[in-house]
């Protein structure tokens, strides 16, 4: 089909047909037909739509700021639980065995704990 008909069909389905050569590509920042932000329902520009996350720039910034904080908190929580499980499970059973079987004192156990934490 001729180029104008393809352009109309692309606009109807929310996709973009490249601008004609020499036209300056002014289509790049226009709104995409049928593409709305999932949070605020604002019409997305082509620049926002090309990322494929269906969020406008404002909603993305707000979401990403909270996402970074939540991800950091979850990672710290997981690290805390792993450290707790090491201390509760491994060290609690290892220390009495090391003292009884190998004759280790507090200095030896402290050295092993220091090396395992680093």
C-alpha atoms as a PDB file:
ATOM      1  CA  UNK A   1       0.000   0.000   0.000  1.00  0.00           C
ATOM      2  CA  UNK A   2       1.044   3.589  -0.471  1.00  0.00           C
ATOM      3  CA  UNK A   3       2.899   5.269   2.395  1.00  0.00           C
ATOM      4  CA  UNK A   4      -0.008   7.478   3.662  1.00  0.00           C
ATOM      5  CA  UNK A   5      -2.268   4.407   4.001  1.00  0.00           C
ATOM      6  CA  UNK A   6       0.457   2.551   5.960  1.00  0.00           C
ATOM      7  CA  UNK A   7       0.855   5.594   8.202  1.00  0.00           C
ATOM      8  CA  UNK A   8      -2.874   5.654   8.940  1.00  0.00           C
ATOM      9  CA  UNK A   9      -2.908   1.917   9.666  1.00  0.00           C
ATOM     10  CA  UNK A  10       0.102   2.247  11.964  1.00  0.00           C
ATOM     11  CA  UNK A  11      -1.505   5.127  13.862  1.00  0.00           C
ATOM     12  CA  UNK A  12      -4.657   3.062  14.272  1.00  0.00           C
ATOM     13  CA  UNK A  13      -2.700   0.200  15.905  1.00  0.00           C
ATOM     14  CA  UNK A  14      -0.424   2.379  18.036  1.00  0.00           C
ATOM     15  CA  UNK A  15       2.781   1.698  16.123  1.00  0.00           C
ATOM     16  CA  UNK A  16       5.065   4.056  14.255  1.00  0.00           C
ATOM     17  CA  UNK A  17       6.054   4.186  10.625  1.00  0.00           C
ATOM     18  CA  UNK A  18       9.369   5.971  10.001  1.00  0.00           C
ATOM     19  CA  UNK A  19       9.080   9.516   8.792  1.00  0.00           C
ATOM     20  CA  UNK A  20       9.607  10.174   5.127  1.00  0.00           C
ATOM     21  CA  UNK A  21      13.182  11.077   4.185  1.00  0.00           C
ATOM     22  CA  UNK A  22      13.785  14.792   4.528  1.00  0.00           C
ATOM     23  CA  UNK A  23      10.740  15.395   6.718  1.00  0.00           C
ATOM     24  CA  UNK A  24      12.857  15.938   9.862  1.00  0.00           C
ATOM     25  CA  UNK A  25      11.330  12.982  11.728  1.00  0.00           C
ATOM     26  CA  UNK A  26       8.876  15.193  13.598  1.00  0.00           C
ATOM     27  CA  UNK A  27       6.771  12.131  14.430  1.00  0.00           C
ATOM     28  CA  UNK A  28       9.179  10.963  17.126  1.00  0.00           C
ATOM     29  CA  UNK A  29       7.677  13.016  19.970  1.00  0.00           C
ATOM     30  CA  UNK A  30       4.004  12.883  19.020  1.00  0.00           C
ATOM     31  CA  UNK A  31       1.571  10.862  21.097  1.00  0.00           C
ATOM     32  CA  UNK A  32       0.985   7.247  20.162  1.00  0.00           C
ATOM     33  CA  UNK A  33      -2.644   6.475  19.418  1.00  0.00           C
ATOM     34  CA  UNK A  34      -4.139   4.119  21.999  1.00  0.00           C
ATOM     35  CA  UNK A  35      -1.116   4.092  24.340  1.00  0.00           C
ATOM     36  CA  UNK A  36      -1.950   5.350  27.819  1.00  0.00           C
ATOM     37  CA  UNK A  37      -0.018   5.385  31.076  1.00  0.00           C
ATOM     38  CA  UNK A  38      -1.106   2.516  33.339  1.00  0.00           C
ATOM     39  CA  UNK A  39      -1.154   4.729  36.423  1.00  0.00           C
ATOM     40  CA  UNK A  40      -2.431   8.171  35.392  1.00  0.00           C
ATOM     41  CA  UNK A  41      -4.125   7.308  32.043  1.00  0.00           C
ATOM     42  CA  UNK A  42      -2.236  10.135  30.276  1.00  0.00           C
ATOM     43  CA  UNK A  43      -1.584   9.630  26.568  1.00  0.00           C
ATOM     44  CA  UNK A  44       2.006   8.457  26.061  1.00  0.00           C
ATOM     45  CA  UNK A  45       4.371  10.218  23.702  1.00  0.00           C
ATOM     46  CA  UNK A  46       6.341   8.052  21.281  1.00  0.00           C
ATOM     47  CA  UNK A  47       9.456   8.630  23.380  1.00  0.00           C
ATOM     48  CA  UNK A  48       7.655   7.232  26.455  1.00  0.00           C
ATOM     49  CA  UNK A  49       5.984   4.411  24.515  1.00  0.00           C
ATOM     50  CA  UNK A  50       9.207   3.080  22.996  1.00  0.00           C
ATOM     51  CA  UNK A  51      10.423   1.812  26.391  1.00  0.00           C
ATOM     52  CA  UNK A  52       7.521  -0.632  26.519  1.00  0.00           C
ATOM     53  CA  UNK A  53       6.669  -0.212  30.213  1.00  0.00           C
ATOM     54  CA  UNK A  54       3.404   1.701  29.618  1.00  0.00           C
ATOM     55  CA  UNK A  55       4.333   4.461  32.095  1.00  0.00           C
ATOM     56  CA  UNK A  56       4.725   8.180  31.445  1.00  0.00           C
ATOM     57  CA  UNK A  57       7.946   9.861  32.534  1.00  0.00           C
ATOM     58  CA  UNK A  58       6.443  11.244  35.769  1.00  0.00           C
ATOM     59  CA  UNK A  59       4.981   7.902  36.854  1.00  0.00           C
ATOM     60  CA  UNK A  60       8.232   6.118  35.909  1.00  0.00           C
ATOM     61  CA  UNK A  61      10.296   8.454  38.099  1.00  0.00           C
ATOM     62  CA  UNK A  62       7.926   7.967  41.039  1.00  0.00           C
ATOM     63  CA  UNK A  63       7.768   4.193  40.586  1.00  0.00           C
ATOM     64  CA  UNK A  64      11.548   3.819  40.121  1.00  0.00           C
ATOM     65  CA  UNK A  65      12.341   5.880  43.223  1.00  0.00           C
ATOM     66  CA  UNK A  66      10.151   3.587  45.353  1.00  0.00           C
ATOM     67  CA  UNK A  67      11.362   0.465  43.531  1.00  0.00           C
ATOM     68  CA  UNK A  68      15.015   1.265  44.339  1.00  0.00           C
ATOM     69  CA  UNK A  69      14.184   1.728  48.013  1.00  0.00           C
ATOM     70  CA  UNK A  70      12.151  -1.487  48.212  1.00  0.00           C
ATOM     71  CA  UNK A  71      14.836  -3.482  46.396  1.00  0.00           C
ATOM     72  CA  UNK A  72      17.522  -2.214  48.766  1.00  0.00           C
ATOM     73  CA  UNK A  73      15.391  -3.061  51.820  1.00  0.00           C
ATOM     74  CA  UNK A  74      14.622  -6.566  50.543  1.00  0.00           C
ATOM     75  CA  UNK A  75      18.293  -7.254  49.772  1.00  0.00           C
ATOM     76  CA  UNK A  76      19.307  -6.056  53.251  1.00  0.00           C
ATOM     77  CA  UNK A  77      16.571  -8.223  54.779  1.00  0.00           C
ATOM     78  CA  UNK A  78      17.763 -11.294  52.891  1.00  0.00           C
ATOM     79  CA  UNK A  79      21.382 -10.626  53.919  1.00  0.00           C
ATOM     80  CA  UNK A  80      20.263 -10.264  57.547  1.00  0.00           C
ATOM     81  CA  UNK A  81      18.353 -13.547  57.455  1.00  0.00           C
ATOM     82  CA  UNK A  82      21.290 -15.367  55.841  1.00  0.00           C
ATOM     83  CA  UNK A  83      23.661 -14.050  58.495  1.00  0.00           C
ATOM     84  CA  UNK A  84      21.213 -15.042  61.218  1.00  0.00           C
ATOM     85  CA  UNK A  85      20.898 -18.544  59.810  1.00  0.00           C
ATOM     86  CA  UNK A  86      24.697 -18.907  59.670  1.00  0.00           C
ATOM     87  CA  UNK A  87      25.003 -17.784  63.273  1.00  0.00           C
ATOM     88  CA  UNK A  88      22.118 -19.908  64.526  1.00  0.00           C
ATOM     89  CA  UNK A  89      22.713 -23.043  62.494  1.00  0.00           C
ATOM     90  CA  UNK A  90      26.349 -23.454  61.661  1.00  0.00           C
ATOM     91  CA  UNK A  91      28.184 -21.653  64.444  1.00  0.00           C
ATOM     92  CA  UNK A  92      26.011 -22.996  67.236  1.00  0.00           C
ATOM     93  CA  UNK A  93      26.807 -26.563  66.201  1.00  0.00           C
ATOM     94  CA  UNK A  94      30.412 -25.915  65.147  1.00  0.00           C
ATOM     95  CA  UNK A  95      31.708 -24.234  68.326  1.00  0.00           C
ATOM     96  CA  UNK A  96      31.056 -27.077  70.789  1.00  0.00           C
ATOM     97  CA  UNK A  97      32.548 -29.598  68.333  1.00  0.00           C
ATOM     98  CA  UNK A  98      35.648 -27.466  67.790  1.00  0.00           C
ATOM     99  CA  UNK A  99      36.188 -27.032  71.521  1.00  0.00           C
ATOM    100  CA  UNK A 100      35.657 -30.719  72.341  1.00  0.00           C
ATOM    101  CA  UNK A 101      37.299 -32.457  69.383  1.00  0.00           C
ATOM    102  CA  UNK A 102      40.099 -30.036  68.463  1.00  0.00           C
ATOM    103  CA  UNK A 103      40.733 -28.316  71.782  1.00  0.00           C
ATOM    104  CA  UNK A 104      40.142 -24.853  70.330  1.00  0.00           C
ATOM    105  CA  UNK A 105      39.856 -21.874  72.622  1.00  0.00           C
ATOM    106  CA  UNK A 106      38.020 -18.574  72.240  1.00  0.00           C
ATOM    107  CA  UNK A 107      40.799 -17.082  70.075  1.00  0.00           C
ATOM    108  CA  UNK A 108      40.624 -19.844  67.477  1.00  0.00           C
ATOM    109  CA  UNK A 109      36.828 -19.652  67.238  1.00  0.00           C
ATOM    110  CA  UNK A 110      36.947 -15.849  66.990  1.00  0.00           C
ATOM    111  CA  UNK A 111      39.458 -16.136  64.132  1.00  0.00           C
ATOM    112  CA  UNK A 112      37.214 -18.565  62.240  1.00  0.00           C
ATOM    113  CA  UNK A 113      34.181 -16.314  62.806  1.00  0.00           C
ATOM    114  CA  UNK A 114      36.156 -13.290  61.562  1.00  0.00           C
ATOM    115  CA  UNK A 115      37.353 -15.106  58.440  1.00  0.00           C
ATOM    116  CA  UNK A 116      33.878 -16.456  57.625  1.00  0.00           C
ATOM    117  CA  UNK A 117      32.311 -12.975  57.913  1.00  0.00           C
ATOM    118  CA  UNK A 118      34.749 -11.380  55.439  1.00  0.00           C
END
